Amino acid sequence: MVGCGVCKLTGPAVWHLGYRDIAVTTAGARSECQPVSGHGNSTHAVRHWGVYSPGLTIGAAVSQESPQDFAGRVALVTGASRGLGRAAALRLIERGAQVAINVRDEARAAAVAAEIGAFPVAGDVAAEGIPERLVAATVERFGRLDILVNNAAFANGTRFLDLSAEEWRRALEINMTAPFLLMKAAVPGMKARGYGRIINISSTAGRMVSTLGGSHYTASKTGLLGLTRAAAKELGKHGITVNAVCPGMIDTELTRENATIDRLEQYARGYPVPRLGTAREVADLICFAASEAAGYITGASLDINGGDLMM
């Protein structure tokens, strides 16, 4: 049994999605944290949703009831140690999927997998042979792969005049080439079954220009959108959809590492929806793109940015 440092409830697991341990509940009050059913296997857990920081408005509270619409489906999520990848993996698990998570470090992969109830497949997606190995390990464990979420990213903010060719190539290897190779490895099995969902995590950077990332980040995320459209055009006849999710400024650890709270508050005030997004909100959009309900959507760039693109 472990305890929650926020509400003092205990359970076999305590999950916090977000950068802060303090989190809102369905009523916005931490005193109402509730023990709930766990991630697809009835494990008792204490779960808290949302992210709270003084002066920073967050997303609306969410229901703790999850449909099991991904029961029988198998997903692979890359870059799942924290932030959007972890939130997407956890949301898929909650909704019934069996999920393999990729984290670069083997020990970290095992730890995260144990925390959320996933299967760890460690490795650097930019290393030779690793994308193919991740898909093969997932299929070996679960017998199939239905959903691929390409989330692993290189998001350094190095400015153009300071950007080396080596760092430029590293960004393209992780943000463009690795998704391409993962898709190449996953598609034959999807094609054989006549079903597949591929979700590439791009960014508003791919739609305009990055706020915090460097030019290599913007270029690679733009390229990922082109890859998404081209693959969607060819793979739709095989029952495989390929879509991109383009998050704006989302309150994650990575965002906090690259900007001060004051700076983030300033950005948020300028959005039509004047706050940062949450990882949970992005995870729900990823799940929609991965669902059977999105079967007639392919080649799309799905924006989630509080209206930032309009400004």
C-alpha atoms as a PDB file:
ATOM      1  CA  MET A   1       0.000   0.000   0.000  1.00  0.00           C
ATOM      2  CA  VAL A   2       1.156   3.489  -0.791  1.00  0.00           C
ATOM      3  CA  GLY A   3      -0.273   6.792   0.327  1.00  0.00           C
ATOM      4  CA  CYS A   4      -1.276   9.960  -1.446  1.00  0.00           C
ATOM      5  CA  GLY A   5       0.604  12.986  -0.196  1.00  0.00           C
ATOM      6  CA  VAL A   6      -2.283  15.225  -1.197  1.00  0.00           C
ATOM      7  CA  CYS A   7      -5.398  13.621   0.295  1.00  0.00           C
ATOM      8  CA  LYS A   8      -3.775  10.963   2.532  1.00  0.00           C
ATOM      9  CA  LEU A   9      -5.828   8.122   1.032  1.00  0.00           C
ATOM     10  CA  THR A  10      -3.972   4.866   0.458  1.00  0.00           C
ATOM     11  CA  GLY A  11      -4.066   2.102  -2.130  1.00  0.00           C
ATOM     12  CA  PRO A  12      -1.735  -0.259  -4.022  1.00  0.00           C
ATOM     13  CA  ALA A  13      -0.984   2.577  -6.434  1.00  0.00           C
ATOM     14  CA  VAL A  14      -1.334   6.327  -6.523  1.00  0.00           C
ATOM     15  CA  TRP A  15      -1.293   7.911  -9.972  1.00  0.00           C
ATOM     16  CA  HIS A  16      -0.704  11.577 -10.580  1.00  0.00           C
ATOM     17  CA  LEU A  17      -0.954  12.788 -14.159  1.00  0.00           C
ATOM     18  CA  GLY A  18       0.765  16.109 -14.465  1.00  0.00           C
ATOM     19  CA  TYR A  19       3.744  18.039 -13.259  1.00  0.00           C
ATOM     20  CA  ARG A  20       2.489  18.798  -9.759  1.00  0.00           C
ATOM     21  CA  ASP A  21       1.431  16.307  -7.098  1.00  0.00           C
ATOM     22  CA  ILE A  22      -1.425  18.610  -6.132  1.00  0.00           C
ATOM     23  CA  ALA A  23      -4.368  17.933  -8.441  1.00  0.00           C
ATOM     24  CA  VAL A  24      -8.061  18.698  -8.809  1.00  0.00           C
ATOM     25  CA  THR A  25     -10.838  16.134  -8.554  1.00  0.00           C
ATOM     26  CA  THR A  26     -14.314  16.027 -10.066  1.00  0.00           C
ATOM     27  CA  ALA A  27     -15.424  18.817  -7.745  1.00  0.00           C
ATOM     28  CA  GLY A  28     -12.148  20.710  -7.911  1.00  0.00           C
ATOM     29  CA  ALA A  29     -11.450  19.892  -4.261  1.00  0.00           C
ATOM     30  CA  ARG A  30      -8.698  17.547  -3.180  1.00  0.00           C
ATOM     31  CA  SER A  31     -10.716  16.458  -0.130  1.00  0.00           C
ATOM     32  CA  GLU A  32     -12.968  14.523  -2.504  1.00  0.00           C
ATOM     33  CA  CYS A  33     -10.313  12.210  -3.945  1.00  0.00           C
ATOM     34  CA  GLN A  34     -11.954   8.832  -4.456  1.00  0.00           C
ATOM     35  CA  PRO A  35     -10.567   5.285  -4.622  1.00  0.00           C
ATOM     36  CA  VAL A  36     -11.619   3.934  -8.027  1.00  0.00           C
ATOM     37  CA  SER A  37     -11.260   0.865 -10.181  1.00  0.00           C
ATOM     38  CA  GLY A  38      -7.880   0.556 -11.814  1.00  0.00           C
ATOM     39  CA  HIS A  39      -6.495   0.105 -15.270  1.00  0.00           C
ATOM     40  CA  GLY A  40      -8.396  -2.746 -16.847  1.00  0.00           C
ATOM     41  CA  ASN A  41      -7.795  -5.341 -14.130  1.00  0.00           C
ATOM     42  CA  SER A  42      -9.883  -3.971 -11.229  1.00  0.00           C
ATOM     43  CA  THR A  43      -6.790  -2.996  -9.232  1.00  0.00           C
ATOM     44  CA  HIS A  44      -7.774  -0.626  -6.438  1.00  0.00           C
ATOM     45  CA  ALA A  45      -6.083   2.729  -6.810  1.00  0.00           C
ATOM     46  CA  VAL A  46      -6.292   6.351  -5.781  1.00  0.00           C
ATOM     47  CA  ARG A  47      -6.353   8.491  -8.901  1.00  0.00           C
ATOM     48  CA  HIS A  48      -6.091  12.267  -9.256  1.00  0.00           C
ATOM     49  CA  TRP A  49      -6.629  14.156 -12.478  1.00  0.00           C
ATOM     50  CA  GLY A  50      -5.493  17.613 -13.519  1.00  0.00           C
ATOM     51  CA  VAL A  51      -2.558  19.850 -12.787  1.00  0.00           C
ATOM     52  CA  TYR A  52      -2.485  22.775 -10.383  1.00  0.00           C
ATOM     53  CA  SER A  53      -0.075  25.646 -10.067  1.00  0.00           C
ATOM     54  CA  PRO A  54      -0.689  28.952  -8.286  1.00  0.00           C
ATOM     55  CA  GLY A  55      -2.033  31.523 -10.734  1.00  0.00           C
ATOM     56  CA  LEU A  56      -2.223  29.088 -13.656  1.00  0.00           C
ATOM     57  CA  THR A  57      -5.719  28.111 -14.802  1.00  0.00           C
ATOM     58  CA  ILE A  58      -6.042  24.468 -15.809  1.00  0.00           C
ATOM     59  CA  GLY A  59      -8.486  22.263 -17.654  1.00  0.00           C
ATOM     60  CA  ALA A  60     -11.885  21.187 -16.464  1.00  0.00           C
ATOM     61  CA  ALA A  61     -12.183  18.239 -14.107  1.00  0.00           C
ATOM     62  CA  VAL A  62     -12.923  14.896 -15.757  1.00  0.00           C
ATOM     63  CA  SER A  63     -15.012  11.832 -15.093  1.00  0.00           C
ATOM     64  CA  GLN A  64     -13.418   8.791 -13.495  1.00  0.00           C
ATOM     65  CA  GLU A  65     -15.611   6.400 -15.480  1.00  0.00           C
ATOM     66  CA  SER A  66     -14.028   5.085 -18.677  1.00  0.00           C
ATOM     67  CA  PRO A  67     -15.653   3.193 -21.545  1.00  0.00           C
ATOM     68  CA  GLN A  68     -13.925  -0.035 -22.504  1.00  0.00           C
ATOM     69  CA  ASP A  69     -13.968   0.739 -26.223  1.00  0.00           C
ATOM     70  CA  PHE A  70     -10.376  -0.407 -26.749  1.00  0.00           C
ATOM     71  CA  ALA A  71     -10.891  -3.875 -25.285  1.00  0.00           C
ATOM     72  CA  GLY A  72      -9.072  -6.382 -27.483  1.00  0.00           C
ATOM     73  CA  ARG A  73      -6.872  -3.715 -29.070  1.00  0.00           C
ATOM     74  CA  VAL A  74      -3.092  -3.505 -28.712  1.00  0.00           C
ATOM     75  CA  ALA A  75      -1.210  -0.198 -28.766  1.00  0.00           C
ATOM     76  CA  LEU A  76       2.426   0.885 -28.811  1.00  0.00           C
ATOM     77  CA  VAL A  77       3.203   4.370 -27.455  1.00  0.00           C
ATOM     78  CA  THR A  78       6.705   5.799 -27.842  1.00  0.00           C
ATOM     79  CA  GLY A  79       8.200   8.418 -25.549  1.00  0.00           C
ATOM     80  CA  ALA A  80       5.924   7.317 -22.711  1.00  0.00           C
ATOM     81  CA  SER A  81       8.024   8.062 -19.636  1.00  0.00           C
ATOM     82  CA  ARG A  82       6.097  11.228 -18.812  1.00  0.00           C
ATOM     83  CA  GLY A  83       3.916  13.987 -20.244  1.00  0.00           C
ATOM     84  CA  LEU A  84       1.783  13.298 -23.301  1.00  0.00           C
ATOM     85  CA  GLY A  85       3.107   9.792 -23.947  1.00  0.00           C
ATOM     86  CA  ARG A  86       2.458   8.564 -20.435  1.00  0.00           C
ATOM     87  CA  ALA A  87      -0.987  10.183 -20.374  1.00  0.00           C
ATOM     88  CA  ALA A  88      -1.919   8.593 -23.710  1.00  0.00           C
ATOM     89  CA  ALA A  89      -0.708   5.163 -22.620  1.00  0.00           C
ATOM     90  CA  LEU A  90      -2.609   5.367 -19.352  1.00  0.00           C
ATOM     91  CA  ARG A  91      -5.790   6.549 -21.045  1.00  0.00           C
ATOM     92  CA  LEU A  92      -5.654   3.683 -23.543  1.00  0.00           C
ATOM     93  CA  ILE A  93      -5.146   1.223 -20.703  1.00  0.00           C
ATOM     94  CA  GLU A  94      -8.088   2.677 -18.793  1.00  0.00           C
ATOM     95  CA  ARG A  95     -10.238   2.194 -21.863  1.00  0.00           C
ATOM     96  CA  GLY A  96      -9.348  -1.472 -22.191  1.00  0.00           C
ATOM     97  CA  ALA A  97      -6.306  -1.617 -24.476  1.00  0.00           C
ATOM     98  CA  GLN A  98      -3.193  -3.672 -23.898  1.00  0.00           C
ATOM     99  CA  VAL A  99      -0.332  -1.215 -24.202  1.00  0.00           C
ATOM    100  CA  ALA A 100       3.387  -1.457 -24.817  1.00  0.00           C
ATOM    101  CA  ILE A 101       5.315   1.644 -23.820  1.00  0.00           C
ATOM    102  CA  ASN A 102       8.633   2.732 -25.189  1.00  0.00           C
ATOM    103  CA  VAL A 103      11.057   4.607 -22.929  1.00  0.00           C
ATOM    104  CA  ARG A 104      14.705   5.039 -23.871  1.00  0.00           C
ATOM    105  CA  ASP A 105      16.157   3.830 -20.543  1.00  0.00           C
ATOM    106  CA  GLU A 106      15.419   0.205 -19.671  1.00  0.00           C
ATOM    107  CA  ALA A 107      15.081   0.713 -15.912  1.00  0.00           C
ATOM    108  CA  ARG A 108      12.820   3.730 -16.395  1.00  0.00           C
ATOM    109  CA  ALA A 109      10.720   1.809 -18.913  1.00  0.00           C
ATOM    110  CA  ALA A 110      10.211  -1.014 -16.425  1.00  0.00           C
ATOM    111  CA  ALA A 111       9.320   1.404 -13.642  1.00  0.00           C
ATOM    112  CA  VAL A 112       6.743   3.330 -15.680  1.00  0.00           C
ATOM    113  CA  ALA A 113       5.247   0.117 -17.033  1.00  0.00           C
ATOM    114  CA  ALA A 114       4.826  -1.208 -13.491  1.00  0.00           C
ATOM    115  CA  GLU A 115       3.176   2.028 -12.386  1.00  0.00           C
ATOM    116  CA  ILE A 116       0.541   2.135 -15.125  1.00  0.00           C
ATOM    117  CA  GLY A 117       0.093  -1.534 -16.029  1.00  0.00           C
ATOM    118  CA  ALA A 118       1.865  -1.563 -19.400  1.00  0.00           C
ATOM    119  CA  PHE A 119       4.462  -3.722 -21.141  1.00  0.00           C
ATOM    120  CA  PRO A 120       7.930  -2.082 -21.387  1.00  0.00           C
ATOM    121  CA  VAL A 121       9.867  -2.001 -24.653  1.00  0.00           C
ATOM    122  CA  ALA A 122      12.970   0.074 -24.035  1.00  0.00           C
ATOM    123  CA  GLY A 123      15.283   1.674 -26.568  1.00  0.00           C
ATOM    124  CA  ASP A 124      16.331   4.853 -28.350  1.00  0.00           C
ATOM    125  CA  VAL A 125      13.981   5.175 -31.328  1.00  0.00           C
ATOM    126  CA  ALA A 126      16.751   6.881 -33.323  1.00  0.00           C
ATOM    127  CA  ALA A 127      19.140   3.937 -32.943  1.00  0.00           C
ATOM    128  CA  GLU A 128      19.539   1.494 -35.813  1.00  0.00           C
ATOM    129  CA  GLY A 129      17.137  -1.443 -35.628  1.00  0.00           C
ATOM    130  CA  ILE A 130      15.270  -0.178 -32.565  1.00  0.00           C
ATOM    131  CA  PRO A 131      11.986   0.861 -34.277  1.00  0.00           C
ATOM    132  CA  GLU A 132      11.671  -2.591 -35.827  1.00  0.00           C
ATOM    133  CA  ARG A 133      12.552  -4.240 -32.523  1.00  0.00           C
ATOM    134  CA  LEU A 134       9.895  -2.271 -30.625  1.00  0.00           C
ATOM    135  CA  VAL A 135       7.162  -3.398 -33.003  1.00  0.00           C
ATOM    136  CA  ALA A 136       8.420  -6.992 -33.020  1.00  0.00           C
ATOM    137  CA  ALA A 137       8.529  -7.130 -29.212  1.00  0.00           C
ATOM    138  CA  THR A 138       4.989  -5.768 -28.971  1.00  0.00           C
ATOM    139  CA  VAL A 139       3.660  -8.317 -31.464  1.00  0.00           C
ATOM    140  CA  GLU A 140       5.560 -11.125 -29.767  1.00  0.00           C
ATOM    141  CA  ARG A 141       4.003 -10.187 -26.407  1.00  0.00           C
ATOM    142  CA  PHE A 142       0.427  -9.536 -27.524  1.00  0.00           C
ATOM    143  CA  GLY A 143       0.132 -11.248 -30.903  1.00  0.00           C
ATOM    144  CA  ARG A 144      -0.791  -8.104 -32.827  1.00  0.00           C
ATOM    145  CA  LEU A 145      -0.474  -4.333 -33.026  1.00  0.00           C
ATOM    146  CA  ASP A 146      -3.539  -2.227 -33.809  1.00  0.00           C
ATOM    147  CA  ILE A 147      -2.554   1.279 -32.673  1.00  0.00           C
ATOM    148  CA  LEU A 148       0.768   3.059 -33.049  1.00  0.00           C
ATOM    149  CA  VAL A 149       1.303   6.383 -31.274  1.00  0.00           C
ATOM    150  CA  ASN A 150       4.528   8.073 -32.409  1.00  0.00           C
ATOM    151  CA  ASN A 151       5.123  10.459 -29.525  1.00  0.00           C
ATOM    152  CA  ALA A 152       8.884  10.323 -28.824  1.00  0.00           C
ATOM    153  CA  ALA A 153      10.388  13.707 -29.636  1.00  0.00           C
ATOM    154  CA  PHE A 154      13.536  15.792 -29.572  1.00  0.00           C
ATOM    155  CA  ALA A 155      12.437  19.266 -28.491  1.00  0.00           C
ATOM    156  CA  ASN A 156      15.524  21.334 -27.731  1.00  0.00           C
ATOM    157  CA  GLY A 157      15.186  25.093 -27.996  1.00  0.00           C
ATOM    158  CA  THR A 158      18.615  25.803 -29.488  1.00  0.00           C
ATOM    159  CA  ARG A 159      18.415  28.991 -31.523  1.00  0.00           C
ATOM    160  CA  PHE A 160      19.239  28.982 -35.239  1.00  0.00           C
ATOM    161  CA  LEU A 161      22.628  30.694 -35.039  1.00  0.00           C
ATOM    162  CA  ASP A 162      23.773  28.240 -32.369  1.00  0.00           C
ATOM    163  CA  LEU A 163      22.337  25.110 -34.012  1.00  0.00           C
ATOM    164  CA  SER A 164      24.884  22.494 -35.099  1.00  0.00           C
ATOM    165  CA  ALA A 165      24.426  20.091 -37.988  1.00  0.00           C
ATOM    166  CA  GLU A 166      24.673  17.240 -35.484  1.00  0.00           C
ATOM    167  CA  GLU A 167      21.788  18.533 -33.390  1.00  0.00           C
ATOM    168  CA  TRP A 168      19.754  19.247 -36.542  1.00  0.00           C
ATOM    169  CA  ARG A 169      20.192  15.635 -37.673  1.00  0.00           C
ATOM    170  CA  ARG A 170      19.330  14.304 -34.225  1.00  0.00           C
ATOM    171  CA  ALA A 171      16.002  16.159 -34.284  1.00  0.00           C
ATOM    172  CA  LEU A 172      15.119  14.805 -37.714  1.00  0.00           C
ATOM    173  CA  GLU A 173      16.127  11.261 -36.755  1.00  0.00           C
ATOM    174  CA  ILE A 174      13.856  11.224 -33.708  1.00  0.00           C
ATOM    175  CA  ASN A 175      10.981  13.402 -34.918  1.00  0.00           C
ATOM    176  CA  MET A 176      10.700  12.183 -38.545  1.00  0.00           C
ATOM    177  CA  THR A 177      12.795   9.136 -39.367  1.00  0.00           C
ATOM    178  CA  ALA A 178      11.857   7.115 -36.283  1.00  0.00           C
ATOM    179  CA  PRO A 179       8.083   7.526 -36.901  1.00  0.00           C
ATOM    180  CA  PHE A 180       8.651   6.527 -40.545  1.00  0.00           C
ATOM    181  CA  LEU A 181      10.510   3.357 -39.535  1.00  0.00           C
ATOM    182  CA  LEU A 182       7.989   2.478 -36.832  1.00  0.00           C
ATOM    183  CA  MET A 183       5.172   2.877 -39.348  1.00  0.00           C
ATOM    184  CA  LYS A 184       7.043   0.723 -41.872  1.00  0.00           C
ATOM    185  CA  ALA A 185       7.441  -2.001 -39.251  1.00  0.00           C
ATOM    186  CA  ALA A 186       3.834  -1.826 -38.021  1.00  0.00           C
ATOM    187  CA  VAL A 187       1.975  -1.570 -41.338  1.00  0.00           C
ATOM    188  CA  PRO A 188       2.450  -5.134 -42.682  1.00  0.00           C
ATOM    189  CA  GLY A 189       0.638  -6.649 -39.699  1.00  0.00           C
ATOM    190  CA  MET A 190      -2.081  -3.997 -39.802  1.00  0.00           C
ATOM    191  CA  LYS A 191      -2.518  -4.550 -43.523  1.00  0.00           C
ATOM    192  CA  ALA A 192      -2.836  -8.296 -43.038  1.00  0.00           C
ATOM    193  CA  ARG A 193      -5.681  -7.744 -40.547  1.00  0.00           C
ATOM    194  CA  GLY A 194      -7.274  -4.935 -42.561  1.00  0.00           C
ATOM    195  CA  TYR A 195      -7.185  -2.570 -39.597  1.00  0.00           C
ATOM    196  CA  GLY A 196      -4.805  -0.050 -38.099  1.00  0.00           C
ATOM    197  CA  ARG A 197      -4.613   3.332 -36.425  1.00  0.00           C
ATOM    198  CA  ILE A 198      -1.439   5.414 -36.602  1.00  0.00           C
ATOM    199  CA  ILE A 199      -1.267   8.677 -34.667  1.00  0.00           C
ATOM    200  CA  ASN A 200       1.771  10.901 -35.127  1.00  0.00           C
ATOM    201  CA  ILE A 201       2.251  13.543 -32.454  1.00  0.00           C
ATOM    202  CA  SER A 202       3.256  16.717 -34.249  1.00  0.00           C
ATOM    203  CA  SER A 203       2.766  20.207 -32.797  1.00  0.00           C
ATOM    204  CA  THR A 204       1.458  23.662 -33.550  1.00  0.00           C
ATOM    205  CA  ALA A 205       5.109  24.107 -34.534  1.00  0.00           C
ATOM    206  CA  GLY A 206       4.328  21.949 -37.544  1.00  0.00           C
ATOM    207  CA  ARG A 207       1.439  24.232 -38.450  1.00  0.00           C
ATOM    208  CA  MET A 208       3.290  27.529 -38.010  1.00  0.00           C
ATOM    209  CA  VAL A 209       6.463  27.919 -35.899  1.00  0.00           C
ATOM    210  CA  SER A 210       7.482  26.727 -32.445  1.00  0.00           C
ATOM    211  CA  THR A 211       7.237  29.042 -29.449  1.00  0.00           C
ATOM    212  CA  LEU A 212       9.838  27.281 -27.305  1.00  0.00           C
ATOM    213  CA  GLY A 213      11.543  24.834 -29.677  1.00  0.00           C
ATOM    214  CA  GLY A 214      14.244  25.608 -32.204  1.00  0.00           C
ATOM    215  CA  SER A 215      14.096  25.673 -35.987  1.00  0.00           C
ATOM    216  CA  HIS A 216      15.002  21.981 -36.134  1.00  0.00           C
ATOM    217  CA  TYR A 217      11.949  21.187 -34.025  1.00  0.00           C
ATOM    218  CA  THR A 218       9.674  23.257 -36.279  1.00  0.00           C
ATOM    219  CA  ALA A 219      11.121  21.730 -39.450  1.00  0.00           C
ATOM    220  CA  SER A 220      10.841  18.147 -38.219  1.00  0.00           C
ATOM    221  CA  LYS A 221       7.290  18.558 -36.928  1.00  0.00           C
ATOM    222  CA  THR A 222       6.275  20.100 -40.262  1.00  0.00           C
ATOM    223  CA  GLY A 223       7.845  17.161 -42.062  1.00  0.00           C
ATOM    224  CA  LEU A 224       5.946  14.746 -39.842  1.00  0.00           C
ATOM    225  CA  LEU A 225       2.681  16.267 -41.068  1.00  0.00           C
ATOM    226  CA  GLY A 226       3.753  15.649 -44.658  1.00  0.00           C
ATOM    227  CA  LEU A 227       4.620  12.035 -43.829  1.00  0.00           C
ATOM    228  CA  THR A 228       1.216  11.644 -42.179  1.00  0.00           C
ATOM    229  CA  ARG A 229      -0.665  12.845 -45.248  1.00  0.00           C
ATOM    230  CA  ALA A 230       1.380  10.818 -47.725  1.00  0.00           C
ATOM    231  CA  ALA A 231       1.046   7.602 -45.711  1.00  0.00           C
ATOM    232  CA  ALA A 232      -2.677   8.192 -45.188  1.00  0.00           C
ATOM    233  CA  LYS A 233      -3.195   8.496 -48.948  1.00  0.00           C
ATOM    234  CA  GLU A 234      -1.617   5.096 -49.583  1.00  0.00           C
ATOM    235  CA  LEU A 235      -2.776   3.105 -46.565  1.00  0.00           C
ATOM    236  CA  GLY A 236      -6.472   3.964 -46.341  1.00  0.00           C
ATOM    237  CA  LYS A 237      -7.471   1.196 -48.757  1.00  0.00           C
ATOM    238  CA  HIS A 238      -5.986  -1.311 -46.314  1.00  0.00           C
ATOM    239  CA  GLY A 239      -8.152  -0.158 -43.409  1.00  0.00           C
ATOM    240  CA  ILE A 240      -5.332   1.869 -41.878  1.00  0.00           C
ATOM    241  CA  THR A 241      -5.849   5.495 -40.934  1.00  0.00           C
ATOM    242  CA  VAL A 242      -2.938   7.859 -40.318  1.00  0.00           C
ATOM    243  CA  ASN A 243      -3.530  11.131 -38.496  1.00  0.00           C
ATOM    244  CA  ALA A 244      -1.490  13.732 -36.643  1.00  0.00           C
ATOM    245  CA  VAL A 245      -2.294  15.414 -33.348  1.00  0.00           C
ATOM    246  CA  CYS A 246      -0.915  18.952 -33.039  1.00  0.00           C
ATOM    247  CA  PRO A 247      -0.790  20.117 -29.409  1.00  0.00           C
ATOM    248  CA  GLY A 248      -0.195  23.735 -28.514  1.00  0.00           C
ATOM    249  CA  MET A 249       1.162  24.839 -25.157  1.00  0.00           C
ATOM    250  CA  ILE A 250       0.447  21.905 -22.831  1.00  0.00           C
ATOM    251  CA  ASP A 251       1.279  21.861 -19.132  1.00  0.00           C
ATOM    252  CA  THR A 252       3.870  19.087 -18.988  1.00  0.00           C
ATOM    253  CA  GLU A 253       7.244  18.598 -17.402  1.00  0.00           C
ATOM    254  CA  LEU A 254       8.948  19.404 -20.692  1.00  0.00           C
ATOM    255  CA  THR A 255       7.084  22.702 -21.002  1.00  0.00           C
ATOM    256  CA  ARG A 256       8.024  23.640 -17.433  1.00  0.00           C
ATOM    257  CA  GLU A 257      11.658  22.848 -18.122  1.00  0.00           C
ATOM    258  CA  ASN A 258      11.742  25.306 -21.014  1.00  0.00           C
ATOM    259  CA  ALA A 259       9.832  28.286 -19.626  1.00  0.00           C
ATOM    260  CA  THR A 260       9.185  29.994 -16.307  1.00  0.00           C
ATOM    261  CA  ILE A 261       5.750  30.042 -14.697  1.00  0.00           C
ATOM    262  CA  ASP A 262       5.528  33.784 -15.376  1.00  0.00           C
ATOM    263  CA  ARG A 263       6.284  33.268 -19.038  1.00  0.00           C
ATOM    264  CA  LEU A 264       3.727  30.459 -19.340  1.00  0.00           C
ATOM    265  CA  GLU A 265       1.085  32.614 -17.673  1.00  0.00           C
ATOM    266  CA  GLN A 266       1.830  35.374 -20.150  1.00  0.00           C
ATOM    267  CA  TYR A 267       1.377  32.987 -23.076  1.00  0.00           C
ATOM    268  CA  ALA A 268      -1.833  31.581 -21.615  1.00  0.00           C
ATOM    269  CA  ARG A 269      -3.419  35.014 -21.216  1.00  0.00           C
ATOM    270  CA  GLY A 270      -3.049  35.567 -24.960  1.00  0.00           C
ATOM    271  CA  TYR A 271      -4.997  32.458 -26.017  1.00  0.00           C
ATOM    272  CA  PRO A 272      -8.751  32.568 -26.774  1.00  0.00           C
ATOM    273  CA  VAL A 273      -9.051  29.842 -24.133  1.00  0.00           C
ATOM    274  CA  PRO A 274      -6.758  31.565 -21.622  1.00  0.00           C
ATOM    275  CA  ARG A 275      -4.956  28.638 -20.042  1.00  0.00           C
ATOM    276  CA  LEU A 276      -2.531  25.859 -20.863  1.00  0.00           C
ATOM    277  CA  GLY A 277      -3.865  22.530 -22.051  1.00  0.00           C
ATOM    278  CA  THR A 278      -3.481  19.353 -20.029  1.00  0.00           C
ATOM    279  CA  ALA A 279      -1.879  16.061 -20.973  1.00  0.00           C
ATOM    280  CA  ARG A 280      -5.199  14.370 -20.266  1.00  0.00           C
ATOM    281  CA  GLU A 281      -6.950  16.519 -22.893  1.00  0.00           C
ATOM    282  CA  VAL A 282      -4.364  15.599 -25.499  1.00  0.00           C
ATOM    283  CA  ALA A 283      -4.592  11.934 -24.486  1.00  0.00           C
ATOM    284  CA  ASP A 284      -8.341  11.985 -25.076  1.00  0.00           C
ATOM    285  CA  LEU A 285      -7.836  13.417 -28.573  1.00  0.00           C
ATOM    286  CA  ILE A 286      -5.249  10.728 -29.304  1.00  0.00           C
ATOM    287  CA  CYS A 287      -7.748   8.112 -28.148  1.00  0.00           C
ATOM    288  CA  PHE A 288     -10.395   9.551 -30.451  1.00  0.00           C
ATOM    289  CA  ALA A 289      -8.038   9.327 -33.428  1.00  0.00           C
ATOM    290  CA  ALA A 290      -7.219   5.756 -32.393  1.00  0.00           C
ATOM    291  CA  SER A 291     -10.855   4.729 -32.039  1.00  0.00           C
ATOM    292  CA  GLU A 292     -13.248   3.083 -34.450  1.00  0.00           C
ATOM    293  CA  ALA A 293     -15.312   6.285 -34.292  1.00  0.00           C
ATOM    294  CA  ALA A 294     -12.572   8.004 -36.316  1.00  0.00           C
ATOM    295  CA  GLY A 295     -12.618   5.446 -39.126  1.00  0.00           C
ATOM    296  CA  TYR A 296     -13.418   8.019 -41.826  1.00  0.00           C
ATOM    297  CA  ILE A 297     -10.770  10.503 -40.690  1.00  0.00           C
ATOM    298  CA  THR A 298      -7.336  10.122 -42.219  1.00  0.00           C
ATOM    299  CA  GLY A 299      -4.515  12.430 -43.246  1.00  0.00           C
ATOM    300  CA  ALA A 300      -5.819  15.021 -40.787  1.00  0.00           C
ATOM    301  CA  SER A 301      -3.906  17.386 -38.525  1.00  0.00           C
ATOM    302  CA  LEU A 302      -5.990  17.539 -35.363  1.00  0.00           C
ATOM    303  CA  ASP A 303      -5.347  20.794 -33.500  1.00  0.00           C
ATOM    304  CA  ILE A 304      -5.600  21.143 -29.731  1.00  0.00           C
ATOM    305  CA  ASN A 305      -4.224  24.528 -28.752  1.00  0.00           C
ATOM    306  CA  GLY A 306      -6.857  26.719 -27.061  1.00  0.00           C
ATOM    307  CA  GLY A 307      -7.259  28.724 -30.275  1.00  0.00           C
ATOM    308  CA  ASP A 308      -3.583  29.694 -30.469  1.00  0.00           C
ATOM    309  CA  LEU A 309      -3.464  29.178 -34.247  1.00  0.00           C
ATOM    310  CA  MET A 310      -6.075  31.890 -34.733  1.00  0.00           C
ATOM    311  CA  MET A 311      -3.951  34.531 -33.050  1.00  0.00           C
END
